[in-house]
Amino acid sequence: MFGKKEINTDRIDTLIGKNTKLQGIVEGTGTIRVDGELTGDLIVEGNVVIGPDGKIIGNVKCDNLFNSGAIRGNAKCNEQLRLASTATLFGDVDVKTFIVDENAIFEGKCKMQNTTDGKSQKSNKSKELKELETKGA
């Protein structure tokens, strides 16, 4: 809807199960699903899915993040971060696209990344407005 790209989370490469607790830095590629608890940073070249019972106390860095659990730490996503209605995120986010469903909890700062051509979306919009003004619109 509205031209937003859906993230495909059907294929899971790594699973941190519901009854699992990990400490330390976890690095990987592909799609990682967290249904257990991770205390430490999660660095993924790919997607991260946090289930409703999943909990991360640490920072997350990935391409796309779908959170329906809990994060206490910062999140840096190259593309999209989505907080489902059951999600909590206490920390700062640095993202390209940020979607917050109704009843999700987000407490922190949000920094929206620049577009791929190196210009911010704000400056692109300003340029478009100036072009419209000069055309007499």
C-alpha atoms as a PDB file:
ATOM      1  CA  MET A   1       0.000   0.000   0.000  1.00  0.00           C
ATOM      2  CA  PHE A   2       1.215   3.549  -0.793  1.00  0.00           C
ATOM      3  CA  GLY A   3       4.210   2.127  -2.674  1.00  0.00           C
ATOM      4  CA  LYS A   4       5.884   0.677   0.425  1.00  0.00           C
ATOM      5  CA  LYS A   5       7.988  -2.407  -0.174  1.00  0.00           C
ATOM      6  CA  GLU A   6       7.088  -5.415   1.959  1.00  0.00           C
ATOM      7  CA  ILE A   7       9.992  -7.301   3.520  1.00  0.00           C
ATOM      8  CA  ASN A   8      10.038 -11.032   2.776  1.00  0.00           C
ATOM      9  CA  THR A   9      10.745 -12.822   6.063  1.00  0.00           C
ATOM     10  CA  ASP A  10       9.621 -16.306   5.011  1.00  0.00           C
ATOM     11  CA  ARG A  11      13.149 -17.715   4.668  1.00  0.00           C
ATOM     12  CA  ILE A  12      15.031 -17.900   7.988  1.00  0.00           C
ATOM     13  CA  ASP A  13      18.752 -18.711   7.893  1.00  0.00           C
ATOM     14  CA  THR A  14      19.405 -18.550  11.661  1.00  0.00           C
ATOM     15  CA  LEU A  15      17.005 -18.994  14.575  1.00  0.00           C
ATOM     16  CA  ILE A  16      17.604 -18.027  18.184  1.00  0.00           C
ATOM     17  CA  GLY A  17      14.868 -20.086  19.822  1.00  0.00           C
ATOM     18  CA  LYS A  18      12.364 -19.111  22.489  1.00  0.00           C
ATOM     19  CA  ASN A  19      14.161 -20.928  25.310  1.00  0.00           C
ATOM     20  CA  THR A  20      17.630 -19.649  24.356  1.00  0.00           C
ATOM     21  CA  LYS A  21      19.654 -16.906  26.043  1.00  0.00           C
ATOM     22  CA  LEU A  22      22.822 -15.635  24.380  1.00  0.00           C
ATOM     23  CA  GLN A  23      25.460 -13.164  25.521  1.00  0.00           C
ATOM     24  CA  GLY A  24      27.979 -11.471  23.253  1.00  0.00           C
ATOM     25  CA  ILE A  25      28.170 -10.181  19.709  1.00  0.00           C
ATOM     26  CA  VAL A  26      26.274 -12.129  17.065  1.00  0.00           C
ATOM     27  CA  GLU A  27      27.292 -11.552  13.429  1.00  0.00           C
ATOM     28  CA  GLY A  28      25.784 -13.187  10.369  1.00  0.00           C
ATOM     29  CA  THR A  29      24.332 -12.936   6.906  1.00  0.00           C
ATOM     30  CA  GLY A  30      20.898 -13.751   5.556  1.00  0.00           C
ATOM     31  CA  THR A  31      17.824 -13.601   7.782  1.00  0.00           C
ATOM     32  CA  ILE A  32      18.088 -14.065  11.541  1.00  0.00           C
ATOM     33  CA  ARG A  33      15.008 -14.579  13.705  1.00  0.00           C
ATOM     34  CA  VAL A  34      15.181 -13.937  17.444  1.00  0.00           C
ATOM     35  CA  ASP A  35      12.533 -15.593  19.615  1.00  0.00           C
ATOM     36  CA  GLY A  36      14.812 -15.890  22.644  1.00  0.00           C
ATOM     37  CA  GLU A  37      16.988 -13.364  24.454  1.00  0.00           C
ATOM     38  CA  LEU A  38      20.220 -11.782  23.268  1.00  0.00           C
ATOM     39  CA  THR A  39      22.343  -9.600  25.509  1.00  0.00           C
ATOM     40  CA  GLY A  40      24.841  -7.974  23.161  1.00  0.00           C
ATOM     41  CA  ASP A  41      24.987  -6.577  19.664  1.00  0.00           C
ATOM     42  CA  LEU A  42      23.451  -8.157  16.572  1.00  0.00           C
ATOM     43  CA  ILE A  43      25.175  -7.324  13.271  1.00  0.00           C
ATOM     44  CA  VAL A  44      23.599  -8.827  10.157  1.00  0.00           C
ATOM     45  CA  GLU A  45      24.157  -8.388   6.447  1.00  0.00           C
ATOM     46  CA  GLY A  46      20.520  -9.094   5.739  1.00  0.00           C
ATOM     47  CA  ASN A  47      17.259  -9.058   7.669  1.00  0.00           C
ATOM     48  CA  VAL A  48      16.400  -9.406  11.351  1.00  0.00           C
ATOM     49  CA  VAL A  49      13.032 -10.606  12.636  1.00  0.00           C
ATOM     50  CA  ILE A  50      12.274 -10.345  16.349  1.00  0.00           C
ATOM     51  CA  GLY A  51       9.313 -12.460  17.403  1.00  0.00           C
ATOM     52  CA  PRO A  52       6.784 -11.432  20.079  1.00  0.00           C
ATOM     53  CA  ASP A  53       8.816 -13.211  22.792  1.00  0.00           C
ATOM     54  CA  GLY A  54      12.178 -12.035  21.425  1.00  0.00           C
ATOM     55  CA  LYS A  55      14.305  -9.619  23.409  1.00  0.00           C
ATOM     56  CA  ILE A  56      17.547  -7.846  22.540  1.00  0.00           C
ATOM     57  CA  ILE A  57      19.518  -5.831  25.055  1.00  0.00           C
ATOM     58  CA  GLY A  58      22.091  -4.260  22.779  1.00  0.00           C
ATOM     59  CA  ASN A  59      22.432  -2.615  19.399  1.00  0.00           C
ATOM     60  CA  VAL A  60      21.117  -3.986  16.104  1.00  0.00           C
ATOM     61  CA  LYS A  61      22.653  -3.248  12.705  1.00  0.00           C
ATOM     62  CA  CYS A  62      21.068  -4.769   9.588  1.00  0.00           C
ATOM     63  CA  ASP A  63      19.404  -4.121   6.245  1.00  0.00           C
ATOM     64  CA  ASN A  64      15.771  -4.581   7.349  1.00  0.00           C
ATOM     65  CA  LEU A  65      14.379  -5.061  10.854  1.00  0.00           C
ATOM     66  CA  PHE A  66      10.904  -6.331  11.710  1.00  0.00           C
ATOM     67  CA  ASN A  67      10.341  -6.084  15.469  1.00  0.00           C
ATOM     68  CA  SER A  68       7.352  -7.523  17.289  1.00  0.00           C
ATOM     69  CA  GLY A  69       9.311  -8.083  20.530  1.00  0.00           C
ATOM     70  CA  ALA A  70      11.579  -5.845  22.623  1.00  0.00           C
ATOM     71  CA  ILE A  71      14.801  -3.952  21.943  1.00  0.00           C
ATOM     72  CA  ARG A  72      16.754  -1.961  24.513  1.00  0.00           C
ATOM     73  CA  GLY A  73      19.464  -0.396  22.392  1.00  0.00           C
ATOM     74  CA  ASN A  74      20.023   1.457  19.154  1.00  0.00           C
ATOM     75  CA  ALA A  75      18.996   0.215  15.712  1.00  0.00           C
ATOM     76  CA  LYS A  76      20.696   1.095  12.431  1.00  0.00           C
ATOM     77  CA  CYS A  77      18.920  -0.200   9.344  1.00  0.00           C
ATOM     78  CA  ASN A  78      20.104   0.371   5.790  1.00  0.00           C
ATOM     79  CA  GLU A  79      16.534   0.090   4.513  1.00  0.00           C
ATOM     80  CA  GLN A  80      13.396  -0.470   6.613  1.00  0.00           C
ATOM     81  CA  LEU A  81      12.553  -0.714  10.313  1.00  0.00           C
ATOM     82  CA  ARG A  82       9.059  -1.803  11.233  1.00  0.00           C
ATOM     83  CA  LEU A  83       7.630  -1.938  14.740  1.00  0.00           C
ATOM     84  CA  ALA A  84       4.622  -4.243  15.004  1.00  0.00           C
ATOM     85  CA  SER A  85       1.800  -3.468  17.449  1.00  0.00           C
ATOM     86  CA  THR A  86       3.413  -5.638  20.169  1.00  0.00           C
ATOM     87  CA  ALA A  87       6.893  -4.107  19.778  1.00  0.00           C
ATOM     88  CA  THR A  88       8.909  -1.932  22.113  1.00  0.00           C
ATOM     89  CA  LEU A  89      12.078  -0.103  21.177  1.00  0.00           C
ATOM     90  CA  PHE A  90      13.960   1.990  23.728  1.00  0.00           C
ATOM     91  CA  GLY A  91      16.871   3.535  21.858  1.00  0.00           C
ATOM     92  CA  ASP A  92      17.825   5.669  18.904  1.00  0.00           C
ATOM     93  CA  VAL A  93      17.190   4.616  15.312  1.00  0.00           C
ATOM     94  CA  ASP A  94      18.987   5.455  12.076  1.00  0.00           C
ATOM     95  CA  VAL A  95      16.879   4.264   9.138  1.00  0.00           C
ATOM     96  CA  LYS A  96      15.807   4.931   5.574  1.00  0.00           C
ATOM     97  CA  THR A  97      12.142   3.927   6.139  1.00  0.00           C
ATOM     98  CA  PHE A  98      10.482   3.761   9.573  1.00  0.00           C
ATOM     99  CA  ILE A  99       7.043   2.186  10.070  1.00  0.00           C
ATOM    100  CA  VAL A 100       5.377   2.178  13.495  1.00  0.00           C
ATOM    101  CA  ASP A 101       2.158   0.193  13.868  1.00  0.00           C
ATOM    102  CA  GLU A 102      -0.572   1.306  16.231  1.00  0.00           C
ATOM    103  CA  ASN A 103       0.157   0.456  19.922  1.00  0.00           C
ATOM    104  CA  ALA A 104       3.894  -0.058  19.325  1.00  0.00           C
ATOM    105  CA  ILE A 105       6.170   1.736  21.786  1.00  0.00           C
ATOM    106  CA  PHE A 106       9.157   3.768  20.589  1.00  0.00           C
ATOM    107  CA  GLU A 107      11.209   5.957  22.887  1.00  0.00           C
ATOM    108  CA  GLY A 108      14.323   7.554  21.441  1.00  0.00           C
ATOM    109  CA  LYS A 109      15.642   9.691  18.616  1.00  0.00           C
ATOM    110  CA  CYS A 110      15.066   8.967  14.952  1.00  0.00           C
ATOM    111  CA  LYS A 111      17.457   9.906  12.161  1.00  0.00           C
ATOM    112  CA  MET A 112      16.215   9.396   8.620  1.00  0.00           C
ATOM    113  CA  GLN A 113      18.982   8.508   6.167  1.00  0.00           C
ATOM    114  CA  ASN A 114      19.634  10.451   2.975  1.00  0.00           C
ATOM    115  CA  THR A 115      18.424   9.200  -0.375  1.00  0.00           C
ATOM    116  CA  THR A 116      20.774   7.204  -2.599  1.00  0.00           C
ATOM    117  CA  ASP A 117      21.873  10.221  -4.664  1.00  0.00           C
ATOM    118  CA  GLY A 118      23.408  11.853  -1.583  1.00  0.00           C
ATOM    119  CA  LYS A 119      20.778  14.593  -1.269  1.00  0.00           C
ATOM    120  CA  SER A 120      18.366  14.678   1.606  1.00  0.00           C
ATOM    121  CA  GLN A 121      14.679  14.216   0.962  1.00  0.00           C
ATOM    122  CA  LYS A 122      14.087  17.689   2.386  1.00  0.00           C
ATOM    123  CA  SER A 123      16.373  19.350  -0.165  1.00  0.00           C
ATOM    124  CA  ASN A 124      14.746  17.326  -2.971  1.00  0.00           C
ATOM    125  CA  LYS A 125      11.308  18.544  -1.877  1.00  0.00           C
ATOM    126  CA  SER A 126      12.577  22.136  -1.693  1.00  0.00           C
ATOM    127  CA  LYS A 127      13.927  21.830  -5.225  1.00  0.00           C
ATOM    128  CA  GLU A 128      10.588  20.465  -6.460  1.00  0.00           C
ATOM    129  CA  LEU A 129       8.713  23.347  -4.805  1.00  0.00           C
ATOM    130  CA  LYS A 130      11.031  25.925  -6.397  1.00  0.00           C
ATOM    131  CA  GLU A 131      10.503  24.324  -9.807  1.00  0.00           C
ATOM    132  CA  LEU A 132       6.719  24.505  -9.344  1.00  0.00           C
ATOM    133  CA  GLU A 133       6.929  28.162  -8.293  1.00  0.00           C
ATOM    134  CA  THR A 134       8.962  29.111 -11.365  1.00  0.00           C
ATOM    135  CA  LYS A 135       6.464  27.335 -13.626  1.00  0.00           C
ATOM    136  CA  GLY A 136       3.664  29.390 -12.105  1.00  0.00           C
ATOM    137  CA  ALA A 137       1.867  26.506 -10.414  1.00  0.00           C
END
